N, C-alpha and C. Protein backbone atom coordinates (compact mmCIF):
# COMPACT_ATOMS: atom_id res chain seq x y z
N MET A 1 30.51 35.79 8.16
CA MET A 1 30.43 34.66 9.06
C MET A 1 28.96 34.26 9.22
N LEU A 2 28.68 32.99 9.01
CA LEU A 2 27.33 32.50 9.15
C LEU A 2 27.06 32.14 10.60
N ARG A 3 25.88 32.50 11.08
CA ARG A 3 25.50 32.19 12.46
C ARG A 3 24.22 31.38 12.45
N ARG A 4 24.18 30.42 13.32
CA ARG A 4 22.96 29.62 13.48
C ARG A 4 22.06 30.30 14.48
N ARG A 5 20.80 29.99 14.42
CA ARG A 5 19.88 30.58 15.38
C ARG A 5 20.16 30.02 16.78
N ASP A 6 19.69 30.72 17.76
CA ASP A 6 19.90 30.34 19.14
C ASP A 6 18.90 29.25 19.52
N VAL A 7 19.32 28.02 19.37
CA VAL A 7 18.44 26.89 19.62
C VAL A 7 18.02 26.84 21.09
N ALA A 8 18.93 27.16 22.00
CA ALA A 8 18.60 27.12 23.43
C ALA A 8 17.44 28.05 23.76
N THR A 9 17.46 29.24 23.20
CA THR A 9 16.38 30.20 23.46
C THR A 9 15.06 29.72 22.86
N LEU A 10 15.11 29.16 21.67
CA LEU A 10 13.91 28.62 21.03
C LEU A 10 13.32 27.47 21.85
N VAL A 11 14.17 26.55 22.26
CA VAL A 11 13.72 25.40 23.05
C VAL A 11 13.17 25.86 24.40
N ALA A 12 13.82 26.85 24.99
CA ALA A 12 13.36 27.39 26.27
C ALA A 12 11.95 27.94 26.14
N SER A 13 11.68 28.66 25.06
CA SER A 13 10.34 29.23 24.88
C SER A 13 9.30 28.14 24.65
N ILE A 14 9.69 27.07 24.03
CA ILE A 14 8.77 25.95 23.79
C ILE A 14 8.42 25.24 25.11
N HIS A 15 9.43 25.06 25.96
CA HIS A 15 9.24 24.28 27.18
C HIS A 15 8.97 25.13 28.42
N GLY A 16 8.98 26.45 28.27
CA GLY A 16 8.68 27.31 29.40
C GLY A 16 9.76 27.34 30.46
N VAL A 17 11.02 27.22 30.03
CA VAL A 17 12.16 27.30 30.95
C VAL A 17 13.10 28.37 30.43
N THR A 18 14.20 28.60 31.15
CA THR A 18 15.17 29.59 30.69
C THR A 18 16.13 28.96 29.69
N ALA A 19 16.74 29.81 28.89
CA ALA A 19 17.76 29.33 27.94
C ALA A 19 18.95 28.75 28.69
N ASP A 20 19.25 29.31 29.86
CA ASP A 20 20.34 28.79 30.68
C ASP A 20 20.05 27.36 31.12
N HIS A 21 18.81 27.09 31.48
CA HIS A 21 18.42 25.74 31.87
C HIS A 21 18.62 24.77 30.70
N VAL A 22 18.21 25.19 29.51
CA VAL A 22 18.37 24.35 28.32
C VAL A 22 19.84 24.08 28.06
N ARG A 23 20.69 25.10 28.19
CA ARG A 23 22.13 24.91 27.98
C ARG A 23 22.70 23.92 28.99
N LYS A 24 22.21 23.97 30.23
CA LYS A 24 22.67 23.01 31.25
C LYS A 24 22.25 21.60 30.90
N VAL A 25 21.06 21.44 30.34
CA VAL A 25 20.60 20.12 29.90
C VAL A 25 21.49 19.62 28.76
N ILE A 26 21.80 20.48 27.82
CA ILE A 26 22.63 20.11 26.68
C ILE A 26 24.03 19.70 27.16
N ARG A 27 24.57 20.44 28.13
CA ARG A 27 25.89 20.12 28.68
C ARG A 27 25.90 18.86 29.52
N GLY A 28 24.73 18.46 30.01
CA GLY A 28 24.65 17.27 30.84
C GLY A 28 24.61 17.57 32.33
N ASP A 29 24.53 18.86 32.69
CA ASP A 29 24.46 19.23 34.10
C ASP A 29 23.08 18.93 34.69
N ARG A 30 22.06 18.91 33.84
CA ARG A 30 20.69 18.61 34.25
C ARG A 30 20.14 17.55 33.30
N GLU A 31 19.11 16.85 33.74
CA GLU A 31 18.50 15.82 32.90
C GLU A 31 17.08 16.23 32.51
N ASN A 32 16.80 16.17 31.23
CA ASN A 32 15.45 16.41 30.74
C ASN A 32 15.39 15.87 29.30
N ASP A 33 14.84 14.67 29.17
CA ASP A 33 14.80 14.01 27.87
C ASP A 33 13.95 14.75 26.84
N GLN A 34 12.88 15.41 27.31
CA GLN A 34 12.02 16.15 26.37
C GLN A 34 12.77 17.34 25.78
N ILE A 35 13.52 18.04 26.59
CA ILE A 35 14.30 19.19 26.10
C ILE A 35 15.36 18.71 25.12
N LEU A 36 16.06 17.63 25.46
CA LEU A 36 17.08 17.09 24.55
C LEU A 36 16.46 16.66 23.22
N ALA A 37 15.31 16.03 23.28
CA ALA A 37 14.65 15.58 22.05
C ALA A 37 14.26 16.77 21.18
N THR A 38 13.76 17.82 21.80
CA THR A 38 13.39 19.03 21.05
C THR A 38 14.62 19.65 20.41
N CYS A 39 15.71 19.74 21.16
CA CYS A 39 16.96 20.30 20.62
C CYS A 39 17.43 19.50 19.41
N ARG A 40 17.45 18.20 19.57
CA ARG A 40 17.90 17.33 18.46
C ARG A 40 17.02 17.50 17.23
N GLN A 41 15.72 17.56 17.45
CA GLN A 41 14.79 17.69 16.33
C GLN A 41 15.00 19.02 15.60
N ILE A 42 15.16 20.11 16.34
CA ILE A 42 15.37 21.41 15.71
C ILE A 42 16.68 21.44 14.95
N ILE A 43 17.74 20.92 15.55
CA ILE A 43 19.05 20.92 14.89
C ILE A 43 19.01 20.03 13.64
N GLU A 44 18.39 18.87 13.75
CA GLU A 44 18.29 17.98 12.59
C GLU A 44 17.50 18.63 11.45
N ASN A 45 16.39 19.28 11.78
CA ASN A 45 15.59 19.95 10.75
C ASN A 45 16.35 21.12 10.13
N ASP A 46 17.10 21.86 10.96
CA ASP A 46 17.93 22.95 10.43
C ASP A 46 18.96 22.41 9.45
N ASN A 47 19.59 21.30 9.81
CA ASN A 47 20.60 20.70 8.94
C ASN A 47 19.99 20.22 7.63
N LEU A 48 18.80 19.61 7.71
CA LEU A 48 18.13 19.16 6.48
C LEU A 48 17.76 20.34 5.59
N LEU A 49 17.27 21.41 6.20
CA LEU A 49 16.92 22.60 5.43
C LEU A 49 18.16 23.22 4.78
N LEU A 50 19.24 23.31 5.54
CA LEU A 50 20.48 23.87 5.00
C LEU A 50 20.99 23.03 3.83
N GLN A 51 20.93 21.72 3.97
CA GLN A 51 21.38 20.85 2.89
C GLN A 51 20.49 21.01 1.65
N ALA A 52 19.19 21.13 1.85
CA ALA A 52 18.28 21.31 0.72
C ALA A 52 18.58 22.62 -0.01
N VAL A 53 18.84 23.67 0.73
CA VAL A 53 19.17 24.95 0.11
C VAL A 53 20.47 24.85 -0.66
N LYS A 54 21.46 24.19 -0.07
CA LYS A 54 22.75 24.04 -0.76
C LYS A 54 22.59 23.25 -2.05
N ASN A 55 21.67 22.29 -2.07
CA ASN A 55 21.44 21.49 -3.27
C ASN A 55 20.72 22.29 -4.35
N ILE A 56 19.90 23.24 -3.95
CA ILE A 56 19.09 24.00 -4.91
C ILE A 56 19.83 25.23 -5.43
N VAL A 57 20.50 25.94 -4.56
CA VAL A 57 21.12 27.21 -4.92
C VAL A 57 22.55 26.96 -5.41
N PRO A 58 22.77 27.18 -6.70
CA PRO A 58 24.13 26.98 -7.22
C PRO A 58 24.99 28.22 -6.96
N PHE A 59 25.98 28.07 -6.12
CA PHE A 59 26.92 29.16 -5.92
C PHE A 59 28.30 28.59 -5.69
N ASP A 60 29.26 29.40 -6.01
CA ASP A 60 30.65 28.99 -5.89
C ASP A 60 31.28 29.79 -4.76
N GLN A 61 31.89 29.13 -3.81
CA GLN A 61 32.51 29.80 -2.67
C GLN A 61 33.56 30.82 -3.11
N VAL A 62 34.25 30.56 -4.20
CA VAL A 62 35.29 31.47 -4.68
C VAL A 62 34.68 32.81 -5.09
N ASP A 63 33.50 32.78 -5.70
CA ASP A 63 32.84 34.01 -6.14
C ASP A 63 32.47 34.90 -4.97
N LEU A 64 32.13 34.32 -3.83
CA LEU A 64 31.73 35.10 -2.67
C LEU A 64 32.89 35.88 -2.06
N GLN A 65 34.10 35.42 -2.27
CA GLN A 65 35.26 36.06 -1.66
C GLN A 65 35.86 37.14 -2.56
N SER A 66 35.38 37.26 -3.75
CA SER A 66 35.93 38.25 -4.69
C SER A 66 35.51 39.65 -4.35
């Protein structure tokens, strides 16, 4: 099972808040545009990196399950 990194904890360390606070912002319980922008940027960059790796590394999903 593939797991993504804990974006909330990373964003919390960048902004000097708790990961719980970041999760509340993501859920919409709190407002903080800077935290949301950082989350979006990290997730977008992770997705771009993942796509680049998938384009470079040739592997077949069937082979991994054997």
